[in-house]
Amino acid sequence: MIHLSKTAATEVKRLKSKYPNPNTLFRLGVESSGCSGLSYTMAFDGAPASEDAVCESEGVQVAIDPQHLKYLNEITIDYSEDLMGGGFRFHNPNAAQSCSCGNSFSAR
């Protein structure tokens, strides 16, 4: 379903450690915005909604609204750092086109 690289999982766990609730979930989604039509959203949530799809990758629980699954199924998320800072990279087989920033895409 959702794949996190080891470096992405490490960064998500680092960010999650700032939340006092140990059951905090990583939430992945999409919203209408960006130069290609859809942008990725990432947040932390206290509990999944009853209809959420929840999967685990590299020890991280990921919650996804079922309406977003068609855009996110089989996505791989990586994290890398360079001289300009760090950032998540999205490798999405459901994207027909991605913009040069890598955070926006159009769906197939």
PDB file of N, CA and C in Angstrom:
ATOM      1  N   MET A   1       0.824  -1.185   0.000  1.00  0.00           N
ATOM      2  CA  MET A   1       0.000   0.000   0.000  1.00  0.00           C
ATOM      3  C   MET A   1       0.877   1.262   0.000  1.00  0.00           C
ATOM      4  N   ILE A   2       1.466   1.641   1.121  1.00  0.00           N
ATOM      5  CA  ILE A   2       2.342   2.805   1.235  1.00  0.00           C
ATOM      6  C   ILE A   2       3.717   2.301   1.652  1.00  0.00           C
ATOM      7  N   HIS A   3       4.756   2.816   1.016  1.00  0.00           N
ATOM      8  CA  HIS A   3       6.114   2.375   1.315  1.00  0.00           C
ATOM      9  C   HIS A   3       6.951   3.569   1.764  1.00  0.00           C
ATOM     10  N   LEU A   4       7.546   3.458   2.935  1.00  0.00           N
ATOM     11  CA  LEU A   4       8.480   4.460   3.434  1.00  0.00           C
ATOM     12  C   LEU A   4       9.884   3.877   3.362  1.00  0.00           C
ATOM     13  N   SER A   5      10.823   4.643   2.856  1.00  0.00           N
ATOM     14  CA  SER A   5      12.215   4.202   2.919  1.00  0.00           C
ATOM     15  C   SER A   5      12.659   4.264   4.376  1.00  0.00           C
ATOM     16  N   LYS A   6      13.767   3.641   4.674  1.00  0.00           N
ATOM     17  CA  LYS A   6      14.285   3.688   6.051  1.00  0.00           C
ATOM     18  C   LYS A   6      14.562   5.125   6.484  1.00  0.00           C
ATOM     19  N   THR A   7      15.099   5.940   5.575  1.00  0.00           N
ATOM     20  CA  THR A   7      15.392   7.330   5.946  1.00  0.00           C
ATOM     21  C   THR A   7      14.111   8.139   6.147  1.00  0.00           C
ATOM     22  N   ALA A   8      13.082   7.878   5.342  1.00  0.00           N
ATOM     23  CA  ALA A   8      11.799   8.570   5.531  1.00  0.00           C
ATOM     24  C   ALA A   8      11.166   8.155   6.852  1.00  0.00           C
ATOM     25  N   ALA A   9      11.203   6.859   7.155  1.00  0.00           N
ATOM     26  CA  ALA A   9      10.632   6.379   8.417  1.00  0.00           C
ATOM     27  C   ALA A   9      11.367   6.978   9.609  1.00  0.00           C
ATOM     28  N   THR A  10      12.680   7.081   9.523  1.00  0.00           N
ATOM     29  CA  THR A  10      13.464   7.680  10.607  1.00  0.00           C
ATOM     30  C   THR A  10      13.063   9.135  10.819  1.00  0.00           C
ATOM     31  N   GLU A  11      12.871   9.879   9.740  1.00  0.00           N
ATOM     32  CA  GLU A  11      12.479  11.288   9.859  1.00  0.00           C
ATOM     33  C   GLU A  11      11.053  11.421  10.397  1.00  0.00           C
ATOM     34  N   VAL A  12      10.136  10.573   9.946  1.00  0.00           N
ATOM     35  CA  VAL A  12       8.765  10.611  10.471  1.00  0.00           C
ATOM     36  C   VAL A  12       8.777  10.312  11.966  1.00  0.00           C
ATOM     37  N   LYS A  13       9.548   9.317  12.378  1.00  0.00           N
ATOM     38  CA  LYS A  13       9.635   8.985  13.806  1.00  0.00           C
ATOM     39  C   LYS A  13      10.240  10.137  14.605  1.00  0.00           C
ATOM     40  N   ARG A  14      11.229  10.812  14.037  1.00  0.00           N
ATOM     41  CA  ARG A  14      11.831  11.962  14.721  1.00  0.00           C
ATOM     42  C   ARG A  14      10.797  13.075  14.909  1.00  0.00           C
ATOM     43  N   LEU A  15      10.044  13.372  13.856  1.00  0.00           N
ATOM     44  CA  LEU A  15       9.015  14.407  13.940  1.00  0.00           C
ATOM     45  C   LEU A  15       7.895  14.001  14.898  1.00  0.00           C
ATOM     46  N   LYS A  16       7.519  12.730  14.843  1.00  0.00           N
ATOM     47  CA  LYS A  16       6.455  12.220  15.710  1.00  0.00           C
ATOM     48  C   LYS A  16       6.847  12.300  17.178  1.00  0.00           C
ATOM     49  N   SER A  17       8.123  12.183  17.481  1.00  0.00           N
ATOM     50  CA  SER A  17       8.577  12.195  18.877  1.00  0.00           C
ATOM     51  C   SER A  17       8.294  13.531  19.565  1.00  0.00           C
ATOM     52  N   LYS A  18       7.983  14.554  18.799  1.00  0.00           N
ATOM     53  CA  LYS A  18       7.666  15.864  19.368  1.00  0.00           C
ATOM     54  C   LYS A  18       6.230  15.947  19.882  1.00  0.00           C
ATOM     55  N   TYR A  19       5.426  14.916  19.601  1.00  0.00           N
ATOM     56  CA  TYR A  19       4.036  14.884  20.052  1.00  0.00           C
ATOM     57  C   TYR A  19       3.942  14.054  21.325  1.00  0.00           C
ATOM     58  N   PRO A  20       3.213  14.546  22.336  1.00  0.00           N
ATOM     59  CA  PRO A  20       3.165  13.831  23.613  1.00  0.00           C
ATOM     60  C   PRO A  20       2.381  12.516  23.570  1.00  0.00           C
ATOM     61  N   ASN A  21       1.428  12.381  22.654  1.00  0.00           N
ATOM     62  CA  ASN A  21       0.611  11.175  22.574  1.00  0.00           C
ATOM     63  C   ASN A  21       1.399  10.077  21.855  1.00  0.00           C
ATOM     64  N   PRO A  22       1.726   8.980  22.537  1.00  0.00           N
ATOM     65  CA  PRO A  22       2.506   7.909  21.893  1.00  0.00           C
ATOM     66  C   PRO A  22       1.746   7.189  20.779  1.00  0.00           C
ATOM     67  N   ASN A  23       0.418   7.345  20.733  1.00  0.00           N
ATOM     68  CA  ASN A  23      -0.390   6.690  19.704  1.00  0.00           C
ATOM     69  C   ASN A  23      -0.600   7.563  18.469  1.00  0.00           C
ATOM     70  N   THR A  24       0.113   8.665  18.382  1.00  0.00           N
ATOM     71  CA  THR A  24      -0.019   9.568  17.241  1.00  0.00           C
ATOM     72  C   THR A  24       0.298   8.829  15.942  1.00  0.00           C
ATOM     73  N   LEU A  25      -0.558   9.041  14.944  1.00  0.00           N
ATOM     74  CA  LEU A  25      -0.392   8.413  13.630  1.00  0.00           C
ATOM     75  C   LEU A  25       0.118   9.422  12.610  1.00  0.00           C
ATOM     76  N   PHE A  26       0.838   8.928  11.644  1.00  0.00           N
ATOM     77  CA  PHE A  26       1.264   9.718  10.495  1.00  0.00           C
ATOM     78  C   PHE A  26       0.139   9.655   9.472  1.00  0.00           C
ATOM     79  N   ARG A  27      -0.380  10.803   9.062  1.00  0.00           N
ATOM     80  CA  ARG A  27      -1.478  10.858   8.093  1.00  0.00           C
ATOM     81  C   ARG A  27      -0.953  11.388   6.761  1.00  0.00           C
ATOM     82  N   LEU A  28      -1.245  10.647   5.707  1.00  0.00           N
ATOM     83  CA  LEU A  28      -0.845  11.015   4.356  1.00  0.00           C
ATOM     84  C   LEU A  28      -2.102  11.271   3.541  1.00  0.00           C
ATOM     85  N   GLY A  29      -2.092  12.321   2.736  1.00  0.00           N
ATOM     86  CA  GLY A  29      -3.255  12.640   1.920  1.00  0.00           C
ATOM     87  C   GLY A  29      -2.873  13.484   0.724  1.00  0.00           C
ATOM     88  N   VAL A  30      -3.897  13.954   0.024  1.00  0.00           N
ATOM     89  CA  VAL A  30      -3.714  14.866  -1.096  1.00  0.00           C
ATOM     90  C   VAL A  30      -4.732  15.991  -0.965  1.00  0.00           C
ATOM     91  N   GLU A  31      -4.421  17.118  -1.589  1.00  0.00           N
ATOM     92  CA  GLU A  31      -5.365  18.223  -1.661  1.00  0.00           C
ATOM     93  C   GLU A  31      -5.218  18.890  -3.020  1.00  0.00           C
ATOM     94  N   SER A  32      -6.261  19.566  -3.436  1.00  0.00           N
ATOM     95  CA  SER A  32      -6.215  20.296  -4.700  1.00  0.00           C
ATOM     96  C   SER A  32      -5.384  21.551  -4.521  1.00  0.00           C
ATOM     97  N   SER A  33      -4.211  21.545  -5.097  1.00  0.00           N
ATOM     98  CA  SER A  33      -3.339  22.722  -5.096  1.00  0.00           C
ATOM     99  C   SER A  33      -2.073  22.377  -5.857  1.00  0.00           C
ATOM    100  N   GLY A  34      -1.203  23.332  -5.987  1.00  0.00           N
ATOM    101  CA  GLY A  34       0.062  23.095  -6.660  1.00  0.00           C
ATOM    102  C   GLY A  34      -0.036  23.313  -8.151  1.00  0.00           C
ATOM    103  N   CYS A  35       1.090  23.337  -8.792  1.00  0.00           N
ATOM    104  CA  CYS A  35       1.137  23.644 -10.218  1.00  0.00           C
ATOM    105  C   CYS A  35       0.643  22.491 -11.095  1.00  0.00           C
ATOM    106  N   SER A  36       0.550  21.284 -10.551  1.00  0.00           N
ATOM    107  CA  SER A  36       0.069  20.149 -11.346  1.00  0.00           C
ATOM    108  C   SER A  36      -1.326  19.683 -10.948  1.00  0.00           C
ATOM    109  N   GLY A  37      -1.953  20.339  -9.976  1.00  0.00           N
ATOM    110  CA  GLY A  37      -3.337  20.017  -9.631  1.00  0.00           C
ATOM    111  C   GLY A  37      -3.541  19.419  -8.258  1.00  0.00           C
ATOM    112  N   LEU A  38      -2.660  18.515  -7.836  1.00  0.00           N
ATOM    113  CA  LEU A  38      -2.774  17.876  -6.527  1.00  0.00           C
ATOM    114  C   LEU A  38      -1.447  17.988  -5.791  1.00  0.00           C
ATOM    115  N   SER A  39      -1.524  18.193  -4.492  1.00  0.00           N
ATOM    116  CA  SER A  39      -0.323  18.239  -3.654  1.00  0.00           C
ATOM    117  C   SER A  39      -0.451  17.217  -2.540  1.00  0.00           C
ATOM    118  N   TYR A  40       0.671  16.719  -2.099  1.00  0.00           N
ATOM    119  CA  TYR A  40       0.705  15.781  -0.984  1.00  0.00           C
ATOM    120  C   TYR A  40       0.537  16.539   0.327  1.00  0.00           C
ATOM    121  N   THR A  41      -0.161  15.915   1.266  1.00  0.00           N
ATOM    122  CA  THR A  41      -0.277  16.466   2.614  1.00  0.00           C
ATOM    123  C   THR A  41       0.241  15.427   3.596  1.00  0.00           C
ATOM    124  N   MET A  42       0.895  15.895   4.625  1.00  0.00           N
ATOM    125  CA  MET A  42       1.383  15.025   5.688  1.00  0.00           C
ATOM    126  C   MET A  42       1.084  15.723   7.006  1.00  0.00           C
ATOM    127  N   ALA A  43       0.593  14.949   7.964  1.00  0.00           N
ATOM    128  CA  ALA A  43       0.262  15.510   9.271  1.00  0.00           C
ATOM    129  C   ALA A  43       0.332  14.390  10.300  1.00  0.00           C
ATOM    130  N   PHE A  44       0.220  14.764  11.548  1.00  0.00           N
ATOM    131  CA  PHE A  44       0.134  13.787  12.625  1.00  0.00           C
ATOM    132  C   PHE A  44      -1.244  13.905  13.247  1.00  0.00           C
ATOM    133  N   ASP A  45      -1.828  12.758  13.571  1.00  0.00           N
ATOM    134  CA  ASP A  45      -3.200  12.704  14.056  1.00  0.00           C
ATOM    135  C   ASP A  45      -3.261  11.797  15.272  1.00  0.00           C
ATOM    136  N   GLY A  46      -4.131  12.133  16.206  1.00  0.00           N
ATOM    137  CA  GLY A  46      -4.249  11.364  17.437  1.00  0.00           C
ATOM    138  C   GLY A  46      -4.827   9.975  17.260  1.00  0.00           C
ATOM    139  N   ALA A  47      -5.748   9.827  16.315  1.00  0.00           N
ATOM    140  CA  ALA A  47      -6.392   8.525  16.113  1.00  0.00           C
ATOM    141  C   ALA A  47      -6.943   8.472  14.694  1.00  0.00           C
ATOM    142  N   PRO A  48      -6.995   7.285  14.116  1.00  0.00           N
ATOM    143  CA  PRO A  48      -7.576   7.186  12.778  1.00  0.00           C
ATOM    144  C   PRO A  48      -9.093   7.328  12.842  1.00  0.00           C
ATOM    145  N   ALA A  49      -9.684   7.834  11.775  1.00  0.00           N
ATOM    146  CA  ALA A  49     -11.139   7.830  11.646  1.00  0.00           C
ATOM    147  C   ALA A  49     -11.567   6.397  11.347  1.00  0.00           C
ATOM    148  N   SER A  50     -12.807   6.076  11.640  1.00  0.00           N
ATOM    149  CA  SER A  50     -13.272   4.692  11.478  1.00  0.00           C
ATOM    150  C   SER A  50     -13.151   4.205  10.039  1.00  0.00           C
ATOM    151  N   GLU A  51     -13.255   5.106   9.070  1.00  0.00           N
ATOM    152  CA  GLU A  51     -13.188   4.692   7.665  1.00  0.00           C
ATOM    153  C   GLU A  51     -11.778   4.731   7.088  1.00  0.00           C
ATOM    154  N   ASP A  52     -10.811   5.225   7.829  1.00  0.00           N
ATOM    155  CA  ASP A  52      -9.437   5.326   7.328  1.00  0.00           C
ATOM    156  C   ASP A  52      -8.836   3.966   7.003  1.00  0.00           C
ATOM    157  N   ALA A  53      -8.008   3.957   5.981  1.00  0.00           N
ATOM    158  CA  ALA A  53      -7.150   2.806   5.721  1.00  0.00           C
ATOM    159  C   ALA A  53      -5.882   3.043   6.534  1.00  0.00           C
ATOM    160  N   VAL A  54      -5.454   2.046   7.277  1.00  0.00           N
ATOM    161  CA  VAL A  54      -4.244   2.175   8.092  1.00  0.00           C
ATOM    162  C   VAL A  54      -3.302   1.047   7.699  1.00  0.00           C
ATOM    163  N   CYS A  55      -2.071   1.416   7.382  1.00  0.00           N
ATOM    164  CA  CYS A  55      -1.064   0.412   7.057  1.00  0.00           C
ATOM    165  C   CYS A  55       0.199   0.747   7.837  1.00  0.00           C
ATOM    166  N   GLU A  56       1.144  -0.157   7.800  1.00  0.00           N
ATOM    167  CA  GLU A  56       2.407   0.063   8.496  1.00  0.00           C
ATOM    168  C   GLU A  56       3.559  -0.143   7.519  1.00  0.00           C
ATOM    169  N   SER A  57       4.526   0.750   7.601  1.00  0.00           N
ATOM    170  CA  SER A  57       5.726   0.636   6.777  1.00  0.00           C
ATOM    171  C   SER A  57       6.922   1.052   7.612  1.00  0.00           C
ATOM    172  N   GLU A  58       7.910   0.197   7.686  1.00  0.00           N
ATOM    173  CA  GLU A  58       9.145   0.475   8.439  1.00  0.00           C
ATOM    174  C   GLU A  58       8.852   0.913   9.879  1.00  0.00           C
ATOM    175  N   GLY A  59       7.812   0.303  10.485  1.00  0.00           N
ATOM    176  CA  GLY A  59       7.485   0.605  11.872  1.00  0.00           C
ATOM    177  C   GLY A  59       6.668   1.865  12.081  1.00  0.00           C
ATOM    178  N   VAL A  60       6.195   2.477  10.999  1.00  0.00           N
ATOM    179  CA  VAL A  60       5.375   3.687  11.088  1.00  0.00           C
ATOM    180  C   VAL A  60       3.959   3.352  10.643  1.00  0.00           C
ATOM    181  N   GLN A  61       2.973   3.671  11.492  1.00  0.00           N
ATOM    182  CA  GLN A  61       1.577   3.509  11.101  1.00  0.00           C
ATOM    183  C   GLN A  61       1.171   4.716  10.267  1.00  0.00           C
ATOM    184  N   VAL A  62       0.573   4.440   9.101  1.00  0.00           N
ATOM    185  CA  VAL A  62       0.159   5.486   8.171  1.00  0.00           C
ATOM    186  C   VAL A  62      -1.349   5.402   7.991  1.00  0.00           C
ATOM    187  N   ALA A  63      -2.053   6.513   8.244  1.00  0.00           N
ATOM    188  CA  ALA A  63      -3.501   6.590   8.052  1.00  0.00           C
ATOM    189  C   ALA A  63      -3.789   7.359   6.767  1.00  0.00           C
ATOM    190  N   ILE A  64      -4.760   6.850   5.999  1.00  0.00           N
ATOM    191  CA  ILE A  64      -5.127   7.480   4.730  1.00  0.00           C
ATOM    192  C   ILE A  64      -6.642   7.479   4.594  1.00  0.00           C
ATOM    193  N   ASP A  65      -7.191   8.623   4.244  1.00  0.00           N
ATOM    194  CA  ASP A  65      -8.610   8.716   3.921  1.00  0.00           C
ATOM    195  C   ASP A  65      -8.848   7.826   2.700  1.00  0.00           C
ATOM    196  N   PRO A  66      -9.875   6.969   2.710  1.00  0.00           N
ATOM    197  CA  PRO A  66     -10.083   6.050   1.584  1.00  0.00           C
ATOM    198  C   PRO A  66     -10.278   6.757   0.240  1.00  0.00           C
ATOM    199  N   GLN A  67     -10.757   8.001   0.258  1.00  0.00           N
ATOM    200  CA  GLN A  67     -10.925   8.742  -0.997  1.00  0.00           C
ATOM    201  C   GLN A  67      -9.581   9.116  -1.622  1.00  0.00           C
ATOM    202  N   HIS A  68      -8.515   9.079  -0.834  1.00  0.00           N
ATOM    203  CA  HIS A  68      -7.190   9.437  -1.338  1.00  0.00           C
ATOM    204  C   HIS A  68      -6.390   8.223  -1.807  1.00  0.00           C
ATOM    205  N   LEU A  69      -6.883   7.019  -1.514  1.00  0.00           N
ATOM    206  CA  LEU A  69      -6.124   5.812  -1.859  1.00  0.00           C
ATOM    207  C   LEU A  69      -5.821   5.695  -3.348  1.00  0.00           C
ATOM    208  N   LYS A  70      -6.757   6.089  -4.202  1.00  0.00           N
ATOM    209  CA  LYS A  70      -6.523   5.959  -5.644  1.00  0.00           C
ATOM    210  C   LYS A  70      -5.342   6.808  -6.109  1.00  0.00           C
ATOM    211  N   TYR A  71      -5.017   7.850  -5.353  1.00  0.00           N
ATOM    212  CA  TYR A  71      -3.882   8.705  -5.690  1.00  0.00           C
ATOM    213  C   TYR A  71      -2.585   8.257  -5.015  1.00  0.00           C
ATOM    214  N   LEU A  72      -2.705   7.490  -3.934  1.00  0.00           N
ATOM    215  CA  LEU A  72      -1.539   7.195  -3.101  1.00  0.00           C
ATOM    216  C   LEU A  72      -1.146   5.725  -3.039  1.00  0.00           C
ATOM    217  N   ASN A  73      -1.963   4.837  -3.578  1.00  0.00           N
ATOM    218  CA  ASN A  73      -1.666   3.416  -3.483  1.00  0.00           C
ATOM    219  C   ASN A  73      -0.326   3.097  -4.145  1.00  0.00           C
ATOM    220  N   GLU A  74       0.510   2.382  -3.431  1.00  0.00           N
ATOM    221  CA  GLU A  74       1.845   1.951  -3.876  1.00  0.00           C
ATOM    222  C   GLU A  74       2.865   3.088  -3.968  1.00  0.00           C
ATOM    223  N   ILE A  75       2.588   4.234  -3.373  1.00  0.00           N
ATOM    224  CA  ILE A  75       3.551   5.334  -3.361  1.00  0.00           C
ATOM    225  C   ILE A  75       4.746   4.955  -2.485  1.00  0.00           C
ATOM    226  N   THR A  76       5.914   5.406  -2.871  1.00  0.00           N
ATOM    227  CA  THR A  76       7.117   5.262  -2.059  1.00  0.00           C
ATOM    228  C   THR A  76       7.563   6.657  -1.644  1.00  0.00           C
ATOM    229  N   ILE A  77       7.789   6.833  -0.354  1.00  0.00           N
ATOM    230  CA  ILE A  77       8.235   8.119   0.173  1.00  0.00           C
ATOM    231  C   ILE A  77       9.655   7.951   0.681  1.00  0.00           C
ATOM    232  N   ASP A  78      10.523   8.828   0.232  1.00  0.00           N
ATOM    233  CA  ASP A  78      11.917   8.821   0.645  1.00  0.00           C
ATOM    234  C   ASP A  78      12.213  10.153   1.320  1.00  0.00           C
ATOM    235  N   TYR A  79      13.322  10.208   2.021  1.00  0.00           N
ATOM    236  CA  TYR A  79      13.760  11.452   2.656  1.00  0.00           C
ATOM    237  C   TYR A  79      15.245  11.594   2.402  1.00  0.00           C
ATOM    238  N   SER A  80      15.651  12.787   2.015  1.00  0.00           N
ATOM    239  CA  SER A  80      17.080  13.023   1.808  1.00  0.00           C
ATOM    240  C   SER A  80      17.435  14.431   2.250  1.00  0.00           C
ATOM    241  N   GLU A  81      18.704  14.592   2.584  1.00  0.00           N
ATOM    242  CA  GLU A  81      19.222  15.896   2.985  1.00  0.00           C
ATOM    243  C   GLU A  81      20.352  16.277   2.049  1.00  0.00           C
ATOM    244  N   ASP A  82      20.431  17.577   1.765  1.00  0.00           N
ATOM    245  CA  ASP A  82      21.539  18.103   0.983  1.00  0.00           C
ATOM    246  C   ASP A  82      21.932  19.456   1.563  1.00  0.00           C
ATOM    247  N   LEU A  83      22.735  20.201   0.867  1.00  0.00           N
ATOM    248  CA  LEU A  83      23.205  21.488   1.381  1.00  0.00           C
ATOM    249  C   LEU A  83      22.070  22.487   1.594  1.00  0.00           C
ATOM    250  N   MET A  84      20.955  22.302   0.907  1.00  0.00           N
ATOM    251  CA  MET A  84      19.818  23.212   1.017  1.00  0.00           C
ATOM    252  C   MET A  84      18.845  22.788   2.116  1.00  0.00           C
ATOM    253  N   GLY A  85      19.081  21.647   2.740  1.00  0.00           N
ATOM    254  CA  GLY A  85      18.183  21.155   3.784  1.00  0.00           C
ATOM    255  C   GLY A  85      17.657  19.783   3.441  1.00  0.00           C
ATOM    256  N   GLY A  86      16.675  19.342   4.192  1.00  0.00           N
ATOM    257  CA  GLY A  86      16.108  18.023   3.976  1.00  0.00           C
ATOM    258  C   GLY A  86      14.696  18.116   3.444  1.00  0.00           C
ATOM    259  N   GLY A  87      14.242  17.025   2.861  1.00  0.00           N
ATOM    260  CA  GLY A  87      12.884  17.003   2.352  1.00  0.00           C
ATOM    261  C   GLY A  87      12.446  15.607   1.973  1.00  0.00           C
ATOM    262  N   PHE A  88      11.135  15.422   1.968  1.00  0.00           N
ATOM    263  CA  PHE A  88      10.545  14.161   1.539  1.00  0.00           C
ATOM    264  C   PHE A  88      10.438  14.167   0.019  1.00  0.00           C
ATOM    265  N   ARG A  89      10.652  13.000  -0.581  1.00  0.00           N
ATOM    266  CA  ARG A  89      10.540  12.821  -2.026  1.00  0.00           C
ATOM    267  C   ARG A  89       9.473  11.756  -2.260  1.00  0.00           C
ATOM    268  N   PHE A  90       8.592  12.020  -3.217  1.00  0.00           N
ATOM    269  CA  PHE A  90       7.470  11.135  -3.490  1.00  0.00           C
ATOM    270  C   PHE A  90       7.669  10.463  -4.841  1.00  0.00           C
ATOM    271  N   HIS A  91       7.607   9.139  -4.849  1.00  0.00           N
ATOM    272  CA  HIS A  91       7.704   8.349  -6.074  1.00  0.00           C
ATOM    273  C   HIS A  91       6.346   7.663  -6.235  1.00  0.00           C
ATOM    274  N   ASN A  92       5.498   8.252  -7.080  1.00  0.00           N
ATOM    275  CA  ASN A  92       4.097   7.853  -7.146  1.00  0.00           C
ATOM    276  C   ASN A  92       3.768   7.233  -8.504  1.00  0.00           C
ATOM    277  N   PRO A  93       3.444   5.927  -8.532  1.00  0.00           N
ATOM    278  CA  PRO A  93       3.093   5.288  -9.798  1.00  0.00           C
ATOM    279  C   PRO A  93       1.740   5.747 -10.340  1.00  0.00           C
ATOM    280  N   ASN A  94       0.957   6.450  -9.525  1.00  0.00           N
ATOM    281  CA  ASN A  94      -0.355   6.936  -9.950  1.00  0.00           C
ATOM    282  C   ASN A  94      -0.291   8.334 -10.555  1.00  0.00           C
ATOM    283  N   ALA A  95       0.877   8.923 -10.581  1.00  0.00           N
ATOM    284  CA  ALA A  95       1.039  10.274 -11.117  1.00  0.00           C
ATOM    285  C   ALA A  95       1.284  10.213 -12.622  1.00  0.00           C
ATOM    286  N   ALA A  96       0.465  10.933 -13.368  1.00  0.00           N
ATOM    287  CA  ALA A  96       0.681  11.038 -14.807  1.00  0.00           C
ATOM    288  C   ALA A  96       1.801  12.021 -15.088  1.00  0.00           C
ATOM    289  N   GLN A  97       1.915  13.012 -14.213  1.00  0.00           N
ATOM    290  CA  GLN A  97       2.932  14.052 -14.379  1.00  0.00           C
ATOM    291  C   GLN A  97       3.216  14.660 -13.017  1.00  0.00           C
ATOM    292  N   SER A  98       4.458  14.990 -12.760  1.00  0.00           N
ATOM    293  CA  SER A  98       4.855  15.681 -11.534  1.00  0.00           C
ATOM    294  C   SER A  98       5.516  16.990 -11.916  1.00  0.00           C
ATOM    295  N   CYS A  99       5.354  17.980 -11.057  1.00  0.00           N
ATOM    296  CA  CYS A  99       6.025  19.246 -11.337  1.00  0.00           C
ATOM    297  C   CYS A  99       7.474  19.157 -10.871  1.00  0.00           C
ATOM    298  N   SER A 100       8.263  20.116 -11.238  1.00  0.00           N
ATOM    299  CA  SER A 100       9.689  20.062 -10.926  1.00  0.00           C
ATOM    300  C   SER A 100       9.975  20.134  -9.432  1.00  0.00           C
ATOM    301  N   CYS A 101       9.055  20.704  -8.642  1.00  0.00           N
ATOM    302  CA  CYS A 101       9.279  20.765  -7.194  1.00  0.00           C
ATOM    303  C   CYS A 101       9.123  19.390  -6.550  1.00  0.00           C
ATOM    304  N   GLY A 102       8.395  18.471  -7.217  1.00  0.00           N
ATOM    305  CA  GLY A 102       8.216  17.123  -6.699  1.00  0.00           C
ATOM    306  C   GLY A 102       7.111  16.983  -5.674  1.00  0.00           C
ATOM    307  N   ASN A 103       6.444  18.077  -5.317  1.00  0.00           N
ATOM    308  CA  ASN A 103       5.381  18.018  -4.313  1.00  0.00           C
ATOM    309  C   ASN A 103       3.991  18.114  -4.912  1.00  0.00           C
ATOM    310  N   SER A 104       3.900  18.279  -6.200  1.00  0.00           N
ATOM    311  CA  SER A 104       2.622  18.428  -6.877  1.00  0.00           C
ATOM    312  C   SER A 104       2.585  17.453  -8.049  1.00  0.00           C
ATOM    313  N   PHE A 105       1.388  16.938  -8.344  1.00  0.00           N
ATOM    314  CA  PHE A 105       1.272  15.969  -9.431  1.00  0.00           C
ATOM    315  C   PHE A 105      -0.127  16.001 -10.026  1.00  0.00           C
ATOM    316  N   SER A 106      -0.256  15.435 -11.200  1.00  0.00           N
ATOM    317  CA  SER A 106      -1.572  15.201 -11.788  1.00  0.00           C
ATOM    318  C   SER A 106      -1.765  13.691 -11.840  1.00  0.00           C
ATOM    319  N   ALA A 107      -2.989  13.262 -11.602  1.00  0.00           N
ATOM    320  CA  ALA A 107      -3.293  11.830 -11.517  1.00  0.00           C
ATOM    321  C   ALA A 107      -3.562  11.248 -12.896  1.00  0.00           C
ATOM    322  N   ARG A 108      -3.352   9.942 -12.995  1.00  0.00           N
ATOM    323  CA  ARG A 108      -3.656   9.212 -14.243  1.00  0.00           C
ATOM    324  C   ARG A 108      -5.150   9.099 -14.400  1.00  0.00           C
TER     325      ARG A 108
END
